[in-house]
Amino acid sequence: MSAETPVKHDAENSGENVVEIRKLLNKVSNFVLHRDLDFDVHAGEVMTLVGGSGSGKTQLVRVILGLKRPSAGVVRVFGVSWDGAGYAQIRATRERMGMLFQNGALYSALTVFQNVAFPLRERGGLDEDAIHAIVHAKLAQVELEPQHADLMPANLSGGMVKRVSLARAMALSPELLILDEPTAGLDPDRSEAFVRLIKRLRTEYRFAVLMVTHDLDTLHDLTDRIAVLADQHIIACGSVDEVRSVEHRFVQSFFGGERGRRAFKAA
């Protein structure tokens, strides 16, 4: 199978949850951030997580990535519980996920090529010819040209940083792509172009997406389901219409303003 061949993963074919959280208790020091929190991401869907500042969206993502151990509850990713899994199983599970950070988080001392190649080299098992082929395939997938491979991050526009970061996140052909504010810092035209790119890649490669965003246009254009994080747990989860109808102060504030009405064409 070539590096550019779309893959239908077993998780999608079986219809299982790629993320399953039950009765999560999550603390930072002695402060309870999440209590009795249930959350799922289905195979093949775009799940958007929204919540106010301080609601713990980033901390929840850290729990999903296995970077933070909760105080109580069950967290399974691809059916693997972080609690009790061995090193090899944790590493193999993490390799099925890709992460796009809000600011790109590219290594400033590495070229574009070296940034995208980094997770391939970390995983091991590939010679340089294979790495070269995969990196250039990933750059092509995000609509970058071969000559961009030699550029340093300091020489990239904001839109190109996002694309290189996306190429790196997809280097291992993930089944779950986590997007942290994917269009933050982009002007409207670049934001729309980046959303179109993600939609095209999803159509071709059929991965699930967990997206954290406050941008209503991005949410409208990409999401299948929305989960609202407030009051220490998920207060609402469902389709856009289902969630927008929930009588909660955050929901009504988030969706009920001028930007919300414009994004969702509400009266």
C-alpha atoms as a PDB file:
ATOM      1  CA  MET A   1       0.000   0.000   0.000  1.00  0.00           C
ATOM      2  CA  SER A   2       1.457   3.415  -0.936  1.00  0.00           C
ATOM      3  CA  ALA A   3       1.794   6.351   1.447  1.00  0.00           C
ATOM      4  CA  GLU A   4      -1.019   8.129  -0.411  1.00  0.00           C
ATOM      5  CA  THR A   5      -3.551   5.287  -0.347  1.00  0.00           C
ATOM      6  CA  PRO A   6      -6.648   6.120   1.749  1.00  0.00           C
ATOM      7  CA  VAL A   7      -7.183   3.644   4.552  1.00  0.00           C
ATOM      8  CA  LYS A   8     -10.469   2.508   6.089  1.00  0.00           C
ATOM      9  CA  HIS A   9      -9.613   1.649   9.651  1.00  0.00           C
ATOM     10  CA  ASP A  10     -11.116  -1.144  11.712  1.00  0.00           C
ATOM     11  CA  ALA A  11     -12.557   1.323  14.244  1.00  0.00           C
ATOM     12  CA  GLU A  12     -14.715   2.926  11.586  1.00  0.00           C
ATOM     13  CA  ASN A  13     -15.812  -0.351  10.084  1.00  0.00           C
ATOM     14  CA  SER A  14     -16.928  -1.721  13.468  1.00  0.00           C
ATOM     15  CA  GLY A  15     -18.728   1.463  14.515  1.00  0.00           C
ATOM     16  CA  GLU A  16     -16.981   1.514  17.900  1.00  0.00           C
ATOM     17  CA  ASN A  17     -16.181   4.565  19.975  1.00  0.00           C
ATOM     18  CA  VAL A  18     -12.629   5.741  19.461  1.00  0.00           C
ATOM     19  CA  VAL A  19     -12.845   7.622  22.786  1.00  0.00           C
ATOM     20  CA  GLU A  20     -14.967   6.540  25.743  1.00  0.00           C
ATOM     21  CA  ILE A  21     -14.940   8.327  29.105  1.00  0.00           C
ATOM     22  CA  ARG A  22     -17.151   7.373  32.016  1.00  0.00           C
ATOM     23  CA  LYS A  23     -17.578   9.021  35.444  1.00  0.00           C
ATOM     24  CA  LEU A  24     -14.398  11.064  35.118  1.00  0.00           C
ATOM     25  CA  LEU A  25     -13.101  12.880  38.172  1.00  0.00           C
ATOM     26  CA  ASN A  26     -10.284  15.209  37.180  1.00  0.00           C
ATOM     27  CA  LYS A  27      -8.415  17.459  39.608  1.00  0.00           C
ATOM     28  CA  VAL A  28      -5.689  20.067  39.313  1.00  0.00           C
ATOM     29  CA  SER A  29      -3.986  20.112  42.723  1.00  0.00           C
ATOM     30  CA  ASN A  30      -7.013  20.065  45.043  1.00  0.00           C
ATOM     31  CA  PHE A  31      -9.326  21.869  42.625  1.00  0.00           C
ATOM     32  CA  VAL A  32     -12.017  19.694  41.016  1.00  0.00           C
ATOM     33  CA  LEU A  33     -12.032  20.472  37.313  1.00  0.00           C
ATOM     34  CA  HIS A  34     -14.321  17.682  36.068  1.00  0.00           C
ATOM     35  CA  ARG A  35     -16.754  15.595  38.048  1.00  0.00           C
ATOM     36  CA  ASP A  36     -18.977  12.720  36.872  1.00  0.00           C
ATOM     37  CA  LEU A  37     -18.059  13.489  33.246  1.00  0.00           C
ATOM     38  CA  ASP A  38     -19.147  11.150  30.424  1.00  0.00           C
ATOM     39  CA  PHE A  39     -17.862  11.687  26.880  1.00  0.00           C
ATOM     40  CA  ASP A  40     -17.596   9.725  23.622  1.00  0.00           C
ATOM     41  CA  VAL A  41     -16.095  10.256  20.199  1.00  0.00           C
ATOM     42  CA  HIS A  42     -17.524   7.943  17.551  1.00  0.00           C
ATOM     43  CA  ALA A  43     -15.441   6.452  14.756  1.00  0.00           C
ATOM     44  CA  GLY A  44     -15.496   8.592  11.629  1.00  0.00           C
ATOM     45  CA  GLU A  45     -17.232  11.636  13.154  1.00  0.00           C
ATOM     46  CA  VAL A  46     -16.196  15.202  13.906  1.00  0.00           C
ATOM     47  CA  MET A  47     -16.888  15.842  17.568  1.00  0.00           C
ATOM     48  CA  THR A  48     -16.504  19.472  18.603  1.00  0.00           C
ATOM     49  CA  LEU A  49     -15.804  20.314  22.226  1.00  0.00           C
ATOM     50  CA  VAL A  50     -16.804  23.796  23.366  1.00  0.00           C
ATOM     51  CA  GLY A  51     -16.720  25.452  26.755  1.00  0.00           C
ATOM     52  CA  GLY A  52     -15.890  28.664  28.492  1.00  0.00           C
ATOM     53  CA  SER A  53     -12.451  29.778  29.619  1.00  0.00           C
ATOM     54  CA  GLY A  54     -11.365  27.672  32.574  1.00  0.00           C
ATOM     55  CA  SER A  55     -13.829  24.869  31.867  1.00  0.00           C
ATOM     56  CA  GLY A  56     -10.961  22.425  31.354  1.00  0.00           C
ATOM     57  CA  LYS A  57     -11.073  21.669  27.619  1.00  0.00           C
ATOM     58  CA  THR A  58      -7.293  21.395  27.368  1.00  0.00           C
ATOM     59  CA  GLN A  59      -7.100  19.251  30.499  1.00  0.00           C
ATOM     60  CA  LEU A  60      -9.732  16.900  29.077  1.00  0.00           C
ATOM     61  CA  VAL A  61      -7.688  16.552  25.883  1.00  0.00           C
ATOM     62  CA  ARG A  62      -4.616  15.763  28.010  1.00  0.00           C
ATOM     63  CA  VAL A  63      -6.574  13.000  29.718  1.00  0.00           C
ATOM     64  CA  ILE A  64      -7.605  11.576  26.331  1.00  0.00           C
ATOM     65  CA  LEU A  65      -3.994  11.649  25.144  1.00  0.00           C
ATOM     66  CA  GLY A  66      -2.915   9.833  28.298  1.00  0.00           C
ATOM     67  CA  LEU A  67      -0.754  12.763  29.400  1.00  0.00           C
ATOM     68  CA  LYS A  68      -2.731  13.291  32.605  1.00  0.00           C
ATOM     69  CA  ARG A  69      -4.053  10.640  34.943  1.00  0.00           C
ATOM     70  CA  PRO A  70      -7.526  11.411  36.321  1.00  0.00           C
ATOM     71  CA  SER A  71      -8.413  10.936  39.974  1.00  0.00           C
ATOM     72  CA  ALA A  72     -11.212   8.489  39.131  1.00  0.00           C
ATOM     73  CA  GLY A  73     -13.235   7.168  36.232  1.00  0.00           C
ATOM     74  CA  VAL A  74     -12.628   5.151  33.084  1.00  0.00           C
ATOM     75  CA  VAL A  75     -10.825   6.476  30.003  1.00  0.00           C
ATOM     76  CA  ARG A  76     -10.566   4.232  26.944  1.00  0.00           C
ATOM     77  CA  VAL A  77      -9.036   5.166  23.597  1.00  0.00           C
ATOM     78  CA  PHE A  78      -9.500   2.587  20.836  1.00  0.00           C
ATOM     79  CA  GLY A  79     -10.680   0.261  23.582  1.00  0.00           C
ATOM     80  CA  VAL A  80      -7.433   0.629  25.550  1.00  0.00           C
ATOM     81  CA  SER A  81      -7.643   1.895  29.119  1.00  0.00           C
ATOM     82  CA  TRP A  82      -4.711   4.127  30.026  1.00  0.00           C
ATOM     83  CA  ASP A  83      -4.989   2.845  33.572  1.00  0.00           C
ATOM     84  CA  GLY A  84      -3.130  -0.435  33.612  1.00  0.00           C
ATOM     85  CA  ALA A  85      -1.917  -0.470  29.999  1.00  0.00           C
ATOM     86  CA  GLY A  86       1.733  -1.297  29.445  1.00  0.00           C
ATOM     87  CA  TYR A  87       4.271   0.987  27.788  1.00  0.00           C
ATOM     88  CA  ALA A  88       4.130  -0.786  24.419  1.00  0.00           C
ATOM     89  CA  GLN A  89       0.318  -0.683  24.323  1.00  0.00           C
ATOM     90  CA  ILE A  90       0.233   2.999  25.300  1.00  0.00           C
ATOM     91  CA  ARG A  91       2.770   3.875  22.621  1.00  0.00           C
ATOM     92  CA  ALA A  92       0.919   1.892  19.954  1.00  0.00           C
ATOM     93  CA  THR A  93      -2.366   3.566  20.908  1.00  0.00           C
ATOM     94  CA  ARG A  94      -0.872   7.057  20.816  1.00  0.00           C
ATOM     95  CA  GLU A  95       0.481   6.339  17.337  1.00  0.00           C
ATOM     96  CA  ARG A  96      -3.132   5.979  16.189  1.00  0.00           C
ATOM     97  CA  MET A  97      -3.728   9.639  17.124  1.00  0.00           C
ATOM     98  CA  GLY A  98      -2.493  12.864  15.579  1.00  0.00           C
ATOM     99  CA  MET A  99      -2.454  16.252  17.316  1.00  0.00           C
ATOM    100  CA  LEU A 100      -2.647  19.688  15.704  1.00  0.00           C
ATOM    101  CA  PHE A 101      -1.715  22.307  18.302  1.00  0.00           C
ATOM    102  CA  GLN A 102      -3.210  25.783  18.256  1.00  0.00           C
ATOM    103  CA  ASN A 103       0.063  27.558  17.468  1.00  0.00           C
ATOM    104  CA  GLY A 104       1.426  24.757  15.298  1.00  0.00           C
ATOM    105  CA  ALA A 105       4.174  23.844  17.805  1.00  0.00           C
ATOM    106  CA  LEU A 106       6.698  23.231  15.037  1.00  0.00           C
ATOM    107  CA  TYR A 107      10.293  22.659  16.076  1.00  0.00           C
ATOM    108  CA  SER A 108      11.919  25.982  15.193  1.00  0.00           C
ATOM    109  CA  ALA A 109      15.377  24.485  14.605  1.00  0.00           C
ATOM    110  CA  LEU A 110      14.087  21.849  12.157  1.00  0.00           C
ATOM    111  CA  THR A 111      13.077  22.272   8.530  1.00  0.00           C
ATOM    112  CA  VAL A 112       9.577  21.531   7.289  1.00  0.00           C
ATOM    113  CA  PHE A 113      10.785  18.127   6.100  1.00  0.00           C
ATOM    114  CA  GLN A 114      12.397  17.323   9.455  1.00  0.00           C
ATOM    115  CA  ASN A 115       9.278  18.397  11.369  1.00  0.00           C
ATOM    116  CA  VAL A 116       7.006  16.102   9.363  1.00  0.00           C
ATOM    117  CA  ALA A 117       9.559  13.286   9.487  1.00  0.00           C
ATOM    118  CA  PHE A 118       9.924  13.533  13.270  1.00  0.00           C
ATOM    119  CA  PRO A 119       7.070  11.157  14.282  1.00  0.00           C
ATOM    120  CA  LEU A 120       8.141   8.674  11.580  1.00  0.00           C
ATOM    121  CA  ARG A 121      11.658   8.560  12.975  1.00  0.00           C
ATOM    122  CA  GLU A 122      10.352   8.318  16.530  1.00  0.00           C
ATOM    123  CA  ARG A 123       8.276   5.272  15.587  1.00  0.00           C
ATOM    124  CA  GLY A 124      11.187   3.684  13.763  1.00  0.00           C
ATOM    125  CA  GLY A 125      11.217   0.824  11.275  1.00  0.00           C
ATOM    126  CA  LEU A 126      11.579   2.933   8.118  1.00  0.00           C
ATOM    127  CA  ASP A 127      14.628   3.669   6.007  1.00  0.00           C
ATOM    128  CA  GLU A 128      15.362   7.180   4.730  1.00  0.00           C
ATOM    129  CA  ASP A 129      13.904   6.491   1.280  1.00  0.00           C
ATOM    130  CA  ALA A 130      10.591   5.481   2.822  1.00  0.00           C
ATOM    131  CA  ILE A 131      10.597   8.500   5.152  1.00  0.00           C
ATOM    132  CA  HIS A 132      11.340  10.800   2.209  1.00  0.00           C
ATOM    133  CA  ALA A 133       8.440   9.350   0.225  1.00  0.00           C
ATOM    134  CA  ILE A 134       5.967   9.579   3.111  1.00  0.00           C
ATOM    135  CA  VAL A 135       6.936  13.138   4.060  1.00  0.00           C
ATOM    136  CA  HIS A 136       6.502  14.402   0.507  1.00  0.00           C
ATOM    137  CA  ALA A 137       3.203  12.530   0.217  1.00  0.00           C
ATOM    138  CA  LYS A 138       1.964  14.187   3.420  1.00  0.00           C
ATOM    139  CA  LEU A 139       3.062  17.618   2.213  1.00  0.00           C
ATOM    140  CA  ALA A 140       1.185  17.037  -1.033  1.00  0.00           C
ATOM    141  CA  GLN A 141      -1.899  16.011   0.946  1.00  0.00           C
ATOM    142  CA  VAL A 142      -1.953  19.412   2.658  1.00  0.00           C
ATOM    143  CA  GLU A 143      -1.337  21.174  -0.673  1.00  0.00           C
ATOM    144  CA  LEU A 144       2.299  22.137  -0.143  1.00  0.00           C
ATOM    145  CA  GLU A 145       4.953  21.858  -2.832  1.00  0.00           C
ATOM    146  CA  PRO A 146       8.208  19.849  -2.643  1.00  0.00           C
ATOM    147  CA  GLN A 147      10.278  23.051  -2.433  1.00  0.00           C
ATOM    148  CA  HIS A 148       8.570  23.935   0.834  1.00  0.00           C
ATOM    149  CA  ALA A 149      10.281  20.977   2.510  1.00  0.00           C
ATOM    150  CA  ASP A 150      13.548  22.881   2.959  1.00  0.00           C
ATOM    151  CA  LEU A 151      12.007  25.970   4.572  1.00  0.00           C
ATOM    152  CA  MET A 152      12.408  26.788   8.246  1.00  0.00           C
ATOM    153  CA  PRO A 153       9.310  27.521  10.383  1.00  0.00           C
ATOM    154  CA  ALA A 154      10.364  31.180  10.724  1.00  0.00           C
ATOM    155  CA  ASN A 155       9.930  31.558   6.953  1.00  0.00           C
ATOM    156  CA  LEU A 156       6.369  30.229   6.865  1.00  0.00           C
ATOM    157  CA  SER A 157       3.130  32.191   6.792  1.00  0.00           C
ATOM    158  CA  GLY A 158       0.492  31.438   9.407  1.00  0.00           C
ATOM    159  CA  GLY A 159      -1.473  29.353   6.937  1.00  0.00           C
ATOM    160  CA  MET A 160       1.603  27.347   5.968  1.00  0.00           C
ATOM    161  CA  VAL A 161       2.446  26.689   9.629  1.00  0.00           C
ATOM    162  CA  LYS A 162      -1.031  25.180  10.039  1.00  0.00           C
ATOM    163  CA  ARG A 163      -0.566  22.998   6.955  1.00  0.00           C
ATOM    164  CA  VAL A 164       2.875  21.759   7.976  1.00  0.00           C
ATOM    165  CA  SER A 165       1.538  21.024  11.459  1.00  0.00           C
ATOM    166  CA  LEU A 166      -1.365  19.126   9.915  1.00  0.00           C
ATOM    167  CA  ALA A 167       1.042  17.138   7.722  1.00  0.00           C
ATOM    168  CA  ARG A 168       3.040  16.207  10.833  1.00  0.00           C
ATOM    169  CA  ALA A 169      -0.145  15.262  12.709  1.00  0.00           C
ATOM    170  CA  MET A 170      -1.082  12.970   9.825  1.00  0.00           C
ATOM    171  CA  ALA A 171       2.370  11.473   9.356  1.00  0.00           C
ATOM    172  CA  LEU A 172       1.382   8.168  10.973  1.00  0.00           C
ATOM    173  CA  SER A 173      -2.033   8.046   9.221  1.00  0.00           C
ATOM    174  CA  PRO A 174      -4.018   8.539  12.438  1.00  0.00           C
ATOM    175  CA  GLU A 175      -7.492   7.204  13.082  1.00  0.00           C
ATOM    176  CA  LEU A 176      -8.214  10.100  15.445  1.00  0.00           C
ATOM    177  CA  LEU A 177      -7.072  13.647  14.676  1.00  0.00           C
ATOM    178  CA  ILE A 178      -7.250  16.138  17.549  1.00  0.00           C
ATOM    179  CA  LEU A 179      -7.504  19.776  16.484  1.00  0.00           C
ATOM    180  CA  ASP A 180      -6.914  22.527  19.040  1.00  0.00           C
ATOM    181  CA  GLU A 181      -8.379  25.784  17.672  1.00  0.00           C
ATOM    182  CA  PRO A 182      -7.402  24.819  14.100  1.00  0.00           C
ATOM    183  CA  THR A 183      -8.249  28.177  12.496  1.00  0.00           C
ATOM    184  CA  ALA A 184      -7.037  30.461  15.304  1.00  0.00           C
ATOM    185  CA  GLY A 185      -4.878  33.281  13.963  1.00  0.00           C
ATOM    186  CA  LEU A 186      -5.950  32.836  10.341  1.00  0.00           C
ATOM    187  CA  ASP A 187      -7.746  35.486   8.322  1.00  0.00           C
ATOM    188  CA  PRO A 188     -11.198  34.506   6.962  1.00  0.00           C
ATOM    189  CA  ASP A 189      -9.929  33.381   3.543  1.00  0.00           C
ATOM    190  CA  ARG A 190      -7.146  31.208   4.974  1.00  0.00           C
ATOM    191  CA  SER A 191      -9.530  29.881   7.608  1.00  0.00           C
ATOM    192  CA  GLU A 192     -12.048  28.802   4.969  1.00  0.00           C
ATOM    193  CA  ALA A 193      -9.276  27.215   2.894  1.00  0.00           C
ATOM    194  CA  PHE A 194      -8.012  25.262   5.912  1.00  0.00           C
ATOM    195  CA  VAL A 195     -11.506  24.018   6.725  1.00  0.00           C
ATOM    196  CA  ARG A 196     -11.935  22.864   3.112  1.00  0.00           C
ATOM    197  CA  LEU A 197      -8.624  21.024   3.377  1.00  0.00           C
ATOM    198  CA  ILE A 198      -9.666  19.172   6.534  1.00  0.00           C
ATOM    199  CA  LYS A 199     -13.023  18.258   4.981  1.00  0.00           C
ATOM    200  CA  ARG A 200     -11.291  16.872   1.898  1.00  0.00           C
ATOM    201  CA  LEU A 201      -8.816  14.842   3.932  1.00  0.00           C
ATOM    202  CA  ARG A 202     -11.621  13.396   6.044  1.00  0.00           C
ATOM    203  CA  THR A 203     -13.472  12.343   2.912  1.00  0.00           C
ATOM    204  CA  GLU A 204     -10.364  10.608   1.597  1.00  0.00           C
ATOM    205  CA  TYR A 205      -8.972   9.089   4.798  1.00  0.00           C
ATOM    206  CA  ARG A 206     -12.043   8.622   7.004  1.00  0.00           C
ATOM    207  CA  PHE A 207     -10.444   9.493  10.344  1.00  0.00           C
ATOM    208  CA  ALA A 208     -12.383  10.737  13.359  1.00  0.00           C
ATOM    209  CA  VAL A 209     -11.821  14.274  14.588  1.00  0.00           C
ATOM    210  CA  LEU A 210     -11.984  15.746  18.073  1.00  0.00           C
ATOM    211  CA  MET A 211     -11.940  19.511  17.652  1.00  0.00           C
ATOM    212  CA  VAL A 212     -11.694  22.204  20.299  1.00  0.00           C
ATOM    213  CA  THR A 213     -12.796  25.558  18.929  1.00  0.00           C
ATOM    214  CA  HIS A 214     -14.604  28.751  19.779  1.00  0.00           C
ATOM    215  CA  ASP A 215     -14.934  29.717  16.109  1.00  0.00           C
ATOM    216  CA  LEU A 216     -18.583  29.314  15.155  1.00  0.00           C
ATOM    217  CA  ASP A 217     -17.967  29.312  11.405  1.00  0.00           C
ATOM    218  CA  THR A 218     -15.429  26.482  11.718  1.00  0.00           C
ATOM    219  CA  LEU A 219     -17.792  24.596  14.010  1.00  0.00           C
ATOM    220  CA  HIS A 220     -20.686  25.031  11.583  1.00  0.00           C
ATOM    221  CA  ASP A 221     -18.671  23.873   8.582  1.00  0.00           C
ATOM    222  CA  LEU A 222     -17.035  20.807  10.125  1.00  0.00           C
ATOM    223  CA  THR A 223     -18.904  19.349  13.070  1.00  0.00           C
ATOM    224  CA  ASP A 224     -21.202  16.338  13.285  1.00  0.00           C
ATOM    225  CA  ARG A 225     -21.834  16.506  17.040  1.00  0.00           C
ATOM    226  CA  ILE A 226     -21.111  19.076  19.728  1.00  0.00           C
ATOM    227  CA  ALA A 227     -20.284  18.482  23.387  1.00  0.00           C
ATOM    228  CA  VAL A 228     -20.613  21.413  25.770  1.00  0.00           C
ATOM    229  CA  LEU A 229     -18.308  21.422  28.794  1.00  0.00           C
ATOM    230  CA  ALA A 230     -19.620  23.499  31.688  1.00  0.00           C
ATOM    231  CA  ASP A 231     -20.308  23.099  35.401  1.00  0.00           C
ATOM    232  CA  GLN A 232     -17.555  20.430  35.610  1.00  0.00           C
ATOM    233  CA  HIS A 233     -19.150  17.995  33.149  1.00  0.00           C
ATOM    234  CA  ILE A 234     -20.709  17.633  29.694  1.00  0.00           C
ATOM    235  CA  ILE A 235     -24.017  19.449  30.026  1.00  0.00           C
ATOM    236  CA  ALA A 236     -25.187  18.814  26.459  1.00  0.00           C
ATOM    237  CA  CYS A 237     -24.133  16.603  23.578  1.00  0.00           C
ATOM    238  CA  GLY A 238     -25.748  16.090  20.200  1.00  0.00           C
ATOM    239  CA  SER A 239     -26.354  17.686  16.841  1.00  0.00           C
ATOM    240  CA  VAL A 240     -26.048  21.431  16.361  1.00  0.00           C
ATOM    241  CA  ASP A 241     -29.823  21.907  16.529  1.00  0.00           C
ATOM    242  CA  GLU A 242     -30.144  19.719  19.624  1.00  0.00           C
ATOM    243  CA  VAL A 243     -27.423  21.564  21.510  1.00  0.00           C
ATOM    244  CA  ARG A 244     -28.526  25.053  20.485  1.00  0.00           C
ATOM    245  CA  SER A 245     -31.949  24.404  22.004  1.00  0.00           C
ATOM    246  CA  VAL A 246     -30.538  23.637  25.475  1.00  0.00           C
ATOM    247  CA  GLU A 247     -31.524  26.208  28.097  1.00  0.00           C
ATOM    248  CA  HIS A 248     -28.179  26.884  29.719  1.00  0.00           C
ATOM    249  CA  ARG A 249     -26.483  30.230  30.191  1.00  0.00           C
ATOM    250  CA  PHE A 250     -23.286  29.223  28.368  1.00  0.00           C
ATOM    251  CA  VAL A 251     -25.122  27.583  25.464  1.00  0.00           C
ATOM    252  CA  GLN A 252     -27.381  30.566  24.932  1.00  0.00           C
ATOM    253  CA  SER A 253     -24.469  32.996  25.202  1.00  0.00           C
ATOM    254  CA  PHE A 254     -22.241  30.989  22.857  1.00  0.00           C
ATOM    255  CA  PHE A 255     -24.794  30.309  20.135  1.00  0.00           C
ATOM    256  CA  GLY A 256     -27.282  33.114  20.683  1.00  0.00           C
ATOM    257  CA  GLY A 257     -25.182  36.144  19.781  1.00  0.00           C
ATOM    258  CA  GLU A 258     -24.851  37.840  16.411  1.00  0.00           C
ATOM    259  CA  ARG A 259     -21.995  35.569  15.302  1.00  0.00           C
ATOM    260  CA  GLY A 260     -23.985  32.490  16.253  1.00  0.00           C
ATOM    261  CA  ARG A 261     -27.074  33.635  14.398  1.00  0.00           C
ATOM    262  CA  ARG A 262     -24.978  34.457  11.341  1.00  0.00           C
ATOM    263  CA  ALA A 263     -23.043  31.168  11.374  1.00  0.00           C
ATOM    264  CA  PHE A 264     -26.169  29.052  11.744  1.00  0.00           C
ATOM    265  CA  LYS A 265     -28.452  31.327   9.738  1.00  0.00           C
ATOM    266  CA  ALA A 266     -30.829  31.637  12.661  1.00  0.00           C
ATOM    267  CA  ALA A 267     -33.548  34.249  12.630  1.00  0.00           C
END
